[in-house]
């Protein structure tokens, strides 16, 4: 049987669990998966989970486009993380990638990803939201752990939520670490785990970690993501609470995450924000 364009999906893969989880979810829906995977980032196991895979270096946009066109891919998703500091030390752009890079004035996450998506669209490859194919990975609402929130922790979430929104407006990061109405750490290029480690050590214990989408978040890429590594980072610094924006973040291996959080005595909660700005825990 001939496979139509609608039976195929491309993935531009970074590191972490997401590429593997996405590939499995897409295949359950009858899709053929084709991956452009980043060397030194993407799990090599992905090559066993997809129809075809090409290994690329950060910045090789032309290679991605050529691969997808060869395979008849017209839709793709961004899945997985890229070590952001690699933009200073491990970029190997091809001609197309270099041309695009030189056109981007502000070298921040959203600007870079939107520019790449726009260029792919010009070449007939539409970037779509990964959650369209894997909605089961969206972070659920409410307290997910046995342990519940105290009033003081709720107050810290409300406080930290506003700070996280503000740094998001500036496209700096998605996560803050607070305690007792004090900002301990703001995530920047180092990533969530490093921010948790830095902020958690400053207060010794009971830090509250808040992770939210940016106010103008493009849901096609860079959604906040939580996995077992996040819980391990929090446990290492004796943090107390992880508050995540429900339905606008990703939860990988949810059962394992909550089991680990319960074992560590953490509170994990999916928070929603009303139009009024009030938070629902």
Protein backbone atom coordinates (compact mmCIF):
# COMPACT_ATOMS: atom_id res chain seq x y z
CA UNK A 1 0.00 0.00 0.00
CA UNK A 2 1.28 3.46 -0.86
CA UNK A 3 1.74 5.70 2.19
CA UNK A 4 0.22 9.15 1.73
CA UNK A 5 1.58 12.38 3.17
CA UNK A 6 -1.03 12.20 5.92
CA UNK A 7 0.40 8.85 7.05
CA UNK A 8 3.81 10.38 7.77
CA UNK A 9 5.18 12.74 10.38
CA UNK A 10 8.68 14.17 10.71
CA UNK A 11 10.33 14.86 14.02
CA UNK A 12 13.20 17.20 14.71
CA UNK A 13 14.59 15.49 17.78
CA UNK A 14 16.61 16.76 20.69
CA UNK A 15 17.51 14.97 23.90
CA UNK A 16 15.50 13.43 26.70
CA UNK A 17 12.51 11.09 26.68
CA UNK A 18 10.19 13.09 24.46
CA UNK A 19 11.39 11.89 21.01
CA UNK A 20 10.97 8.24 22.02
CA UNK A 21 7.59 8.80 23.68
CA UNK A 22 6.33 10.82 20.73
CA UNK A 23 7.46 8.21 18.19
CA UNK A 24 5.60 5.47 20.08
CA UNK A 25 2.44 7.57 20.38
CA UNK A 26 2.47 8.53 16.67
CA UNK A 27 2.98 4.94 15.60
CA UNK A 28 -0.01 3.82 17.68
CA UNK A 29 -2.03 6.21 15.53
CA UNK A 30 -0.81 4.51 12.37
CA UNK A 31 1.79 7.12 11.43
CA UNK A 32 5.18 6.49 9.88
CA UNK A 33 7.81 8.49 11.76
CA UNK A 34 10.92 10.02 10.17
CA UNK A 35 13.49 11.70 12.41
CA UNK A 36 16.19 14.32 12.07
CA UNK A 37 18.17 13.68 15.26
CA UNK A 38 20.86 15.86 16.84
CA UNK A 39 24.20 14.22 17.54
CA UNK A 40 25.29 14.27 21.21
CA UNK A 41 21.72 15.10 22.21
CA UNK A 42 19.25 12.50 20.91
CA UNK A 43 19.08 9.00 22.39
CA UNK A 44 20.50 6.54 19.84
CA UNK A 45 17.57 4.21 20.60
CA UNK A 46 15.40 6.50 18.48
CA UNK A 47 16.94 4.97 15.35
CA UNK A 48 15.19 1.72 16.27
CA UNK A 49 11.82 3.42 16.77
CA UNK A 50 11.39 5.21 13.43
CA UNK A 51 11.20 4.41 9.71
CA UNK A 52 14.25 6.45 8.78
CA UNK A 53 16.64 8.67 10.72
CA UNK A 54 19.32 11.15 9.74
CA UNK A 55 21.90 12.42 12.23
CA UNK A 56 22.54 16.16 12.14
CA UNK A 57 24.59 18.78 13.95
CA UNK A 58 23.02 21.84 15.49
CA UNK A 59 22.41 24.37 12.72
CA UNK A 60 22.19 21.97 9.77
CA UNK A 61 18.82 23.22 8.56
CA UNK A 62 19.47 22.43 4.92
CA UNK A 63 20.16 18.80 5.80
CA UNK A 64 16.84 18.57 7.65
CA UNK A 65 14.92 20.03 4.71
CA UNK A 66 16.64 17.75 2.19
CA UNK A 67 15.90 14.67 4.29
CA UNK A 68 12.23 15.53 4.80
CA UNK A 69 11.70 16.35 1.13
CA UNK A 70 13.33 13.10 0.10
CA UNK A 71 10.96 11.18 2.39
CA UNK A 72 7.87 13.14 1.37
CA UNK A 73 7.38 14.77 4.77
CA UNK A 74 5.08 17.82 4.82
CA UNK A 75 4.47 18.04 8.59
CA UNK A 76 6.98 17.96 11.41
CA UNK A 77 7.25 18.55 15.14
CA UNK A 78 9.98 19.73 17.48
CA UNK A 79 10.47 17.20 20.28
CA UNK A 80 13.14 16.97 22.95
CA UNK A 81 15.61 19.38 24.48
CA UNK A 82 18.75 20.98 23.12
CA UNK A 83 21.57 21.94 25.47
CA UNK A 84 21.25 25.69 25.01
CA UNK A 85 24.87 26.48 25.81
CA UNK A 86 25.82 24.50 22.70
CA UNK A 87 24.94 27.56 20.61
CA UNK A 88 28.33 28.87 21.82
CA UNK A 89 30.40 25.73 21.29
CA UNK A 90 28.82 23.02 19.14
CA UNK A 91 27.04 24.67 16.21
CA UNK A 92 27.93 23.31 12.76
CA UNK A 93 25.59 25.22 10.44
CA UNK A 94 25.29 24.36 6.79
CA UNK A 95 24.76 27.06 4.18
CA UNK A 96 21.01 27.34 4.79
CA UNK A 97 21.39 27.28 8.56
CA UNK A 98 24.09 29.94 8.53
CA UNK A 99 22.02 32.21 6.29
CA UNK A 100 19.06 31.97 8.66
CA UNK A 101 21.20 32.46 11.77
CA UNK A 102 22.62 35.70 10.40
CA UNK A 103 19.09 37.04 9.88
CA UNK A 104 18.04 36.51 13.51
CA UNK A 105 18.64 39.66 15.54
CA UNK A 106 17.78 38.27 18.99
CA UNK A 107 19.34 34.86 19.69
CA UNK A 108 16.71 33.68 22.17
CA UNK A 109 14.59 30.52 22.20
CA UNK A 110 11.37 31.79 20.68
CA UNK A 111 13.03 33.92 18.02
CA UNK A 112 15.28 31.07 16.87
CA UNK A 113 12.54 28.42 16.80
CA UNK A 114 10.02 30.67 15.03
CA UNK A 115 12.63 31.56 12.40
CA UNK A 116 13.36 27.87 11.80
CA UNK A 117 9.63 27.08 11.60
CA UNK A 118 9.07 29.92 9.13
CA UNK A 119 11.92 28.70 6.93
CA UNK A 120 10.60 25.14 6.98
CA UNK A 121 7.17 26.44 5.97
CA UNK A 122 8.72 28.22 2.99
CA UNK A 123 10.11 24.87 1.92
CA UNK A 124 6.71 23.19 2.20
CA UNK A 125 7.16 21.63 5.64
CA UNK A 126 4.66 22.74 8.27
CA UNK A 127 5.69 22.72 11.93
CA UNK A 128 2.73 21.57 14.04
CA UNK A 129 2.15 21.13 17.78
CA UNK A 130 3.49 17.85 19.12
CA UNK A 131 0.54 17.63 21.52
CA UNK A 132 -1.76 17.14 18.52
CA UNK A 133 -0.33 13.62 18.30
CA UNK A 134 0.45 12.97 21.99
CA UNK A 135 -2.24 14.70 24.10
CA UNK A 136 -1.79 12.11 26.85
CA UNK A 137 1.51 13.81 27.77
CA UNK A 138 -0.13 17.09 28.82
CA UNK A 139 0.30 17.92 32.51
CA UNK A 140 -2.96 17.27 34.42
CA UNK A 141 -4.78 19.62 36.80
CA UNK A 142 -4.72 19.46 40.58
CA UNK A 143 -2.51 17.94 43.26
CA UNK A 144 -1.06 14.68 41.92
CA UNK A 145 0.77 13.48 45.04
CA UNK A 146 -0.35 12.16 48.42
CA UNK A 147 1.09 15.18 50.18
CA UNK A 148 -0.98 18.37 49.89
CA UNK A 149 -0.14 22.07 49.83
CA UNK A 150 0.07 24.23 52.93
CA UNK A 151 -1.21 27.81 52.93
CA UNK A 152 2.36 29.11 52.96
CA UNK A 153 3.24 27.01 49.93
CA UNK A 154 0.18 28.25 48.05
CA UNK A 155 1.24 31.82 48.82
CA UNK A 156 4.70 31.09 47.44
CA UNK A 157 3.20 29.63 44.26
CA UNK A 158 1.10 32.76 43.72
CA UNK A 159 4.18 34.92 44.32
CA UNK A 160 6.48 32.86 42.11
CA UNK A 161 3.88 32.52 39.34
CA UNK A 162 3.95 36.28 38.73
CA UNK A 163 7.74 36.30 38.59
CA UNK A 164 7.79 33.35 36.18
CA UNK A 165 5.32 35.11 33.88
CA UNK A 166 7.51 38.22 33.84
CA UNK A 167 10.71 36.37 32.93
CA UNK A 168 8.68 34.56 30.29
CA UNK A 169 7.65 37.86 28.75
CA UNK A 170 11.34 38.61 28.28
CA UNK A 171 11.96 35.11 26.81
CA UNK A 172 14.51 34.39 29.55
CA UNK A 173 13.13 31.14 30.96
CA UNK A 174 10.12 29.29 32.31
CA UNK A 175 11.06 28.38 35.87
CA UNK A 176 11.65 30.17 39.16
CA UNK A 177 12.61 28.89 42.62
CA UNK A 178 11.20 30.71 45.65
CA UNK A 179 10.67 30.42 49.39
CA UNK A 180 8.87 32.66 51.85
CA UNK A 181 8.16 35.30 49.21
CA UNK A 182 11.81 35.49 48.12
CA UNK A 183 13.19 34.68 44.67
CA UNK A 184 16.07 32.25 44.99
CA UNK A 185 16.74 31.47 41.33
CA UNK A 186 15.51 32.44 37.88
CA UNK A 187 16.04 30.00 35.03
CA UNK A 188 18.05 31.27 32.09
CA UNK A 189 20.18 29.39 29.58
CA UNK A 190 21.40 26.86 32.17
CA UNK A 191 18.04 25.05 32.27
CA UNK A 192 15.54 23.98 34.91
CA UNK A 193 17.61 21.39 36.77
CA UNK A 194 20.53 23.77 37.23
CA UNK A 195 18.17 26.53 38.42
CA UNK A 196 16.58 24.14 40.95
CA UNK A 197 20.02 23.15 42.20
CA UNK A 198 21.21 26.74 42.53
CA UNK A 199 18.06 28.06 44.19
CA UNK A 200 17.50 25.04 46.40
CA UNK A 201 20.97 25.21 47.89
CA UNK A 202 20.50 28.86 48.84
CA UNK A 203 17.66 28.03 51.24
CA UNK A 204 18.87 24.60 52.36
CA UNK A 205 15.38 23.02 52.15
CA UNK A 206 11.67 23.45 51.36
CA UNK A 207 12.09 25.46 48.16
CA UNK A 208 9.05 25.90 45.90
CA UNK A 209 9.65 25.40 42.17
CA UNK A 210 7.24 26.99 39.68
CA UNK A 211 7.33 26.21 35.95
CA UNK A 212 4.97 27.91 33.47
CA UNK A 213 4.66 28.64 29.76
CA UNK A 214 5.71 32.03 28.46
CA UNK A 215 2.84 34.51 27.97
CA UNK A 216 3.24 34.38 24.18
CA UNK A 217 4.32 30.75 24.09
CA UNK A 218 4.12 29.13 20.68
CA UNK A 219 2.71 25.72 21.62
CA UNK A 220 4.48 24.14 18.65
CA UNK A 221 7.74 24.07 20.57
CA UNK A 222 9.55 24.53 23.88
CA UNK A 223 6.64 23.68 26.16
CA UNK A 224 7.67 23.30 29.81
CA UNK A 225 8.48 19.66 30.50
CA UNK A 226 8.73 17.56 33.66
CA UNK A 227 10.23 14.12 34.13
CA UNK A 228 11.92 11.96 36.75
CA UNK A 229 15.11 14.00 36.43
CA UNK A 230 13.20 17.05 37.68
CA UNK A 231 12.13 15.16 40.81
CA UNK A 232 15.68 13.91 41.37
CA UNK A 233 16.99 17.49 41.14
CA UNK A 234 14.44 18.64 43.70
CA UNK A 235 15.16 15.75 46.04
CA UNK A 236 18.88 16.53 45.93
CA UNK A 237 18.29 19.99 47.44
CA UNK A 238 15.38 18.95 49.70
CA UNK A 239 12.87 21.08 47.79
CA UNK A 240 9.22 20.79 48.82
CA UNK A 241 6.87 21.73 45.97
CA UNK A 242 6.72 21.54 42.18
CA UNK A 243 3.95 23.68 40.68
CA UNK A 244 3.46 23.38 36.91
CA UNK A 245 1.00 25.08 34.56
CA UNK A 246 -1.56 22.37 33.80
CA UNK A 247 -2.44 21.58 30.18
CA UNK A 248 0.38 23.81 28.88
CA UNK A 249 3.29 21.64 30.00
CA UNK A 250 4.41 18.07 29.35
CA UNK A 251 4.65 15.25 31.90
CA UNK A 252 6.86 12.32 30.89
CA UNK A 253 6.33 8.90 32.53
CA UNK A 254 3.74 10.42 34.83
CA UNK A 255 3.23 7.36 37.04
CA UNK A 256 6.96 7.05 37.70
CA UNK A 257 7.26 10.78 38.38
CA UNK A 258 4.47 10.78 40.96
CA UNK A 259 5.76 7.58 42.56
CA UNK A 260 9.20 9.20 42.93
CA UNK A 261 7.67 12.41 44.27
CA UNK A 262 5.63 10.51 46.86
CA UNK A 263 8.70 8.59 47.96
CA UNK A 264 10.57 11.88 48.39
CA UNK A 265 7.70 13.56 50.25
CA UNK A 266 7.21 16.22 47.57
CA UNK A 267 4.05 17.99 46.48
CA UNK A 268 3.44 18.04 42.71
CA UNK A 269 0.53 20.15 41.51
CA UNK A 270 -0.91 21.17 38.14
CA UNK A 271 -2.06 24.78 38.43
CA UNK A 272 -4.46 26.65 36.16
CA UNK A 273 -4.84 30.40 35.84
CA UNK A 274 -8.26 31.99 35.46
CA UNK A 275 -8.92 34.95 33.18
CA UNK A 276 -9.01 37.07 36.36
CA UNK A 277 -5.45 36.01 37.15
CA UNK A 278 -6.46 33.87 40.15
CA UNK A 279 -4.81 30.48 40.43
CA UNK A 280 -6.61 27.16 40.88
CA UNK A 281 -4.62 24.43 42.62
